[in-house]
Amino acid sequence: MASELEDKKIATLISEAIAAELKAHGETKAGAIGPLIRTKYPDAAATYGEQLFDGAIARKASAQLKSWFTVSLAGETTLWLPGIPEDVLSEIPPTITVPDGKTEPRHVLLSRVTVGEFRAWEKMLAKQIEDDKRRHKAARYIVAKIKSLPDDVSLQDAFGIREAAE
């Protein structure tokens, strides 16, 4: 694991690369930043190579943990809860992401999750939904303002905003 100082240096390099790309081209993709930094700072790339690989594997593993097919390899196939309709259970993933606020969340088999863990998962989902609702409300406001404009007009031009002279 990289030290906190190395992590801050990488964060600074990322910020600088993003700013340079946005200034030069007006846009960028998150995936374009890594190759820029790796080319300019190969030692930093070596430091983070293992972490990047682990992160990519963790994201893929997290996605698979939500699949009954993958989880069935561990012997779990379905969950039955008396009094809960099958169509409701079909919307619940086979593992529950249990946040603890300090470290990486755990993925617990639905058949073994505690009531408290299930409540924490539901609370986490509710927060994500509220965050999405706020962003969606802001986006709807802007879309309403530009409803008569063609799709190829930039938002900046649509609202008549001009960049400050440098």
Protein backbone atom coordinates (compact mmCIF):
# COMPACT_ATOMS: atom_id res chain seq x y z
CA MET A 1 0.00 0.00 0.00
CA ALA A 2 1.29 3.45 -0.87
CA SER A 3 2.06 5.82 1.92
CA GLU A 4 -0.21 8.77 2.61
CA LEU A 5 2.44 11.11 1.19
CA GLU A 6 2.63 9.08 -2.06
CA ASP A 7 -1.16 9.05 -2.23
CA LYS A 8 -1.28 12.85 -1.93
CA LYS A 9 1.35 13.16 -4.68
CA ILE A 10 -0.69 10.94 -6.98
CA ALA A 11 -3.83 12.94 -6.21
CA THR A 12 -1.96 16.10 -7.18
CA LEU A 13 -0.68 14.52 -10.40
CA ILE A 14 -4.22 13.43 -11.27
CA SER A 15 -5.61 16.91 -10.62
CA GLU A 16 -2.90 18.50 -12.75
CA ALA A 17 -3.44 16.03 -15.62
CA ILE A 18 -7.21 16.57 -15.54
CA ALA A 19 -6.78 20.35 -15.53
CA ALA A 20 -4.32 20.18 -18.44
CA GLU A 21 -6.65 17.97 -20.50
CA LEU A 22 -9.68 20.15 -19.80
CA LYS A 23 -7.75 23.30 -20.64
CA ALA A 24 -6.33 21.83 -23.85
CA HIS A 25 -9.41 20.01 -25.12
CA GLY A 26 -12.43 21.10 -23.05
CA GLU A 27 -13.11 17.48 -22.16
CA THR A 28 -11.44 14.28 -21.04
CA LYS A 29 -12.20 10.73 -19.97
CA ALA A 30 -11.16 9.33 -16.62
CA GLY A 31 -9.47 6.44 -18.44
CA ALA A 32 -7.22 8.87 -20.35
CA ILE A 33 -5.57 10.22 -17.21
CA GLY A 34 -3.73 7.03 -16.20
CA PRO A 35 -1.75 6.69 -19.46
CA LEU A 36 -0.76 10.37 -19.27
CA ILE A 37 0.62 9.98 -15.76
CA ARG A 38 2.22 6.59 -16.49
CA THR A 39 4.10 8.07 -19.46
CA LYS A 40 5.27 11.12 -17.53
CA TYR A 41 5.92 9.39 -14.17
CA PRO A 42 6.72 5.69 -14.66
CA ASP A 43 7.86 5.31 -11.03
CA ALA A 44 4.43 6.45 -9.81
CA ALA A 45 2.82 3.96 -12.18
CA ALA A 46 4.88 1.16 -10.69
CA THR A 47 3.86 2.19 -7.19
CA TYR A 48 0.19 2.06 -8.06
CA GLY A 49 0.20 -0.82 -10.55
CA GLU A 50 -0.64 -3.44 -7.97
CA GLN A 51 -3.30 -1.28 -6.35
CA LEU A 52 -4.92 -0.57 -9.71
CA PHE A 53 -5.04 -4.26 -10.51
CA ASP A 54 -6.50 -5.08 -7.10
CA GLY A 55 -9.07 -2.31 -7.50
CA ALA A 56 -10.15 -3.57 -10.92
CA ILE A 57 -10.51 -7.11 -9.59
CA ALA A 58 -12.46 -5.83 -6.56
CA ARG A 59 -14.93 -3.96 -8.80
CA LYS A 60 -15.47 -7.06 -10.95
CA ALA A 61 -15.81 -9.25 -7.84
CA SER A 62 -18.34 -6.81 -6.38
CA ALA A 63 -20.43 -7.04 -9.54
CA GLN A 64 -20.30 -10.84 -9.50
CA LEU A 65 -21.29 -10.96 -5.83
CA LYS A 66 -24.69 -9.65 -6.92
CA SER A 67 -25.19 -12.63 -9.27
CA TRP A 68 -27.03 -15.74 -8.13
CA PHE A 69 -25.02 -17.70 -10.70
CA THR A 70 -21.71 -16.86 -9.04
CA VAL A 71 -23.05 -17.20 -5.51
CA SER A 72 -24.58 -20.59 -6.38
CA LEU A 73 -21.03 -21.91 -6.74
CA ALA A 74 -20.82 -21.58 -2.93
CA GLY A 75 -23.95 -23.70 -2.55
CA GLU A 76 -26.48 -20.87 -2.23
CA THR A 77 -29.19 -20.93 -4.87
CA THR A 78 -32.22 -18.99 -3.63
CA LEU A 79 -33.60 -17.50 -0.47
CA TRP A 80 -37.01 -18.20 0.94
CA LEU A 81 -38.43 -16.05 3.70
CA PRO A 82 -41.87 -16.99 5.05
CA GLY A 83 -44.39 -14.26 4.26
CA ILE A 84 -42.21 -12.46 1.72
CA PRO A 85 -43.50 -12.75 -1.87
CA GLU A 86 -41.20 -14.35 -4.41
CA ASP A 87 -41.31 -11.26 -6.66
CA VAL A 88 -40.02 -9.12 -3.77
CA LEU A 89 -37.20 -11.56 -3.00
CA SER A 90 -36.25 -11.67 -6.69
CA GLU A 91 -35.30 -7.98 -6.45
CA ILE A 92 -32.87 -8.57 -3.57
CA PRO A 93 -29.33 -9.57 -4.57
CA PRO A 94 -27.85 -12.79 -3.17
CA THR A 95 -25.35 -10.85 -1.10
CA ILE A 96 -25.94 -7.68 0.88
CA THR A 97 -23.29 -4.97 0.86
CA VAL A 98 -22.78 -4.16 4.53
CA PRO A 99 -21.15 -0.76 5.09
CA ASP A 100 -19.15 -0.17 8.22
CA GLY A 101 -17.98 3.38 7.51
CA LYS A 102 -14.31 2.61 8.18
CA THR A 103 -13.13 -0.03 5.75
CA GLU A 104 -14.25 -1.69 2.56
CA PRO A 105 -17.84 -2.93 2.84
CA ARG A 106 -18.43 -6.65 3.31
CA HIS A 107 -20.66 -8.74 1.07
CA VAL A 108 -22.70 -11.10 3.24
CA LEU A 109 -24.83 -13.94 1.90
CA LEU A 110 -28.48 -12.98 2.16
CA SER A 111 -29.16 -16.21 4.03
CA ARG A 112 -26.65 -15.22 6.72
CA VAL A 113 -27.14 -11.47 6.96
CA THR A 114 -28.35 -10.17 10.31
CA VAL A 115 -31.34 -7.90 10.76
CA GLY A 116 -28.97 -5.05 11.68
CA GLU A 117 -26.85 -5.62 8.58
CA PHE A 118 -29.97 -5.69 6.40
CA ARG A 119 -31.15 -2.42 7.96
CA ALA A 120 -27.73 -0.83 7.32
CA TRP A 121 -27.91 -1.96 3.68
CA GLU A 122 -31.42 -0.51 3.26
CA LYS A 123 -30.26 2.76 4.83
CA MET A 124 -27.29 2.88 2.44
CA LEU A 125 -29.66 2.33 -0.53
CA ALA A 126 -31.96 5.10 0.70
CA LYS A 127 -29.03 7.54 0.91
CA GLN A 128 -27.90 6.63 -2.62
CA ILE A 129 -31.45 7.18 -3.89
CA GLU A 130 -31.70 10.59 -2.18
CA ASP A 131 -28.34 11.63 -3.65
CA ASP A 132 -29.51 10.56 -7.11
CA LYS A 133 -32.82 12.41 -6.65
CA ARG A 134 -30.99 15.66 -5.85
CA ARG A 135 -28.76 15.32 -8.91
CA HIS A 136 -31.76 14.40 -11.07
CA LYS A 137 -33.75 17.43 -9.85
CA ALA A 138 -30.84 19.72 -10.78
CA ALA A 139 -30.50 18.05 -14.19
CA ARG A 140 -34.27 18.35 -14.85
CA TYR A 141 -34.08 22.07 -14.05
CA ILE A 142 -31.34 22.59 -16.62
CA VAL A 143 -33.09 20.39 -19.23
CA ALA A 144 -36.26 22.47 -18.84
CA LYS A 145 -34.25 25.62 -19.59
CA ILE A 146 -32.81 24.16 -22.82
CA LYS A 147 -35.77 22.11 -24.10
CA SER A 148 -36.07 23.96 -27.43
CA LEU A 149 -32.36 23.82 -28.32
CA PRO A 150 -30.75 21.25 -30.63
CA ASP A 151 -28.67 18.47 -29.07
CA ASP A 152 -25.35 19.59 -30.57
CA VAL A 153 -25.29 22.99 -28.81
CA SER A 154 -22.93 23.10 -25.82
CA LEU A 155 -24.42 24.06 -22.47
CA GLN A 156 -22.00 26.96 -22.31
CA ASP A 157 -23.34 28.38 -25.57
CA ALA A 158 -26.92 27.55 -24.59
CA PHE A 159 -26.67 29.77 -21.55
CA GLY A 160 -24.42 32.40 -23.14
CA ILE A 161 -21.63 31.87 -20.66
CA ARG A 162 -18.16 32.89 -21.78
CA GLU A 163 -14.89 31.77 -20.27
CA ALA A 164 -13.09 34.42 -18.31
CA ALA A 165 -10.23 35.92 -20.23
CA GLU A 166 -6.96 34.45 -19.14
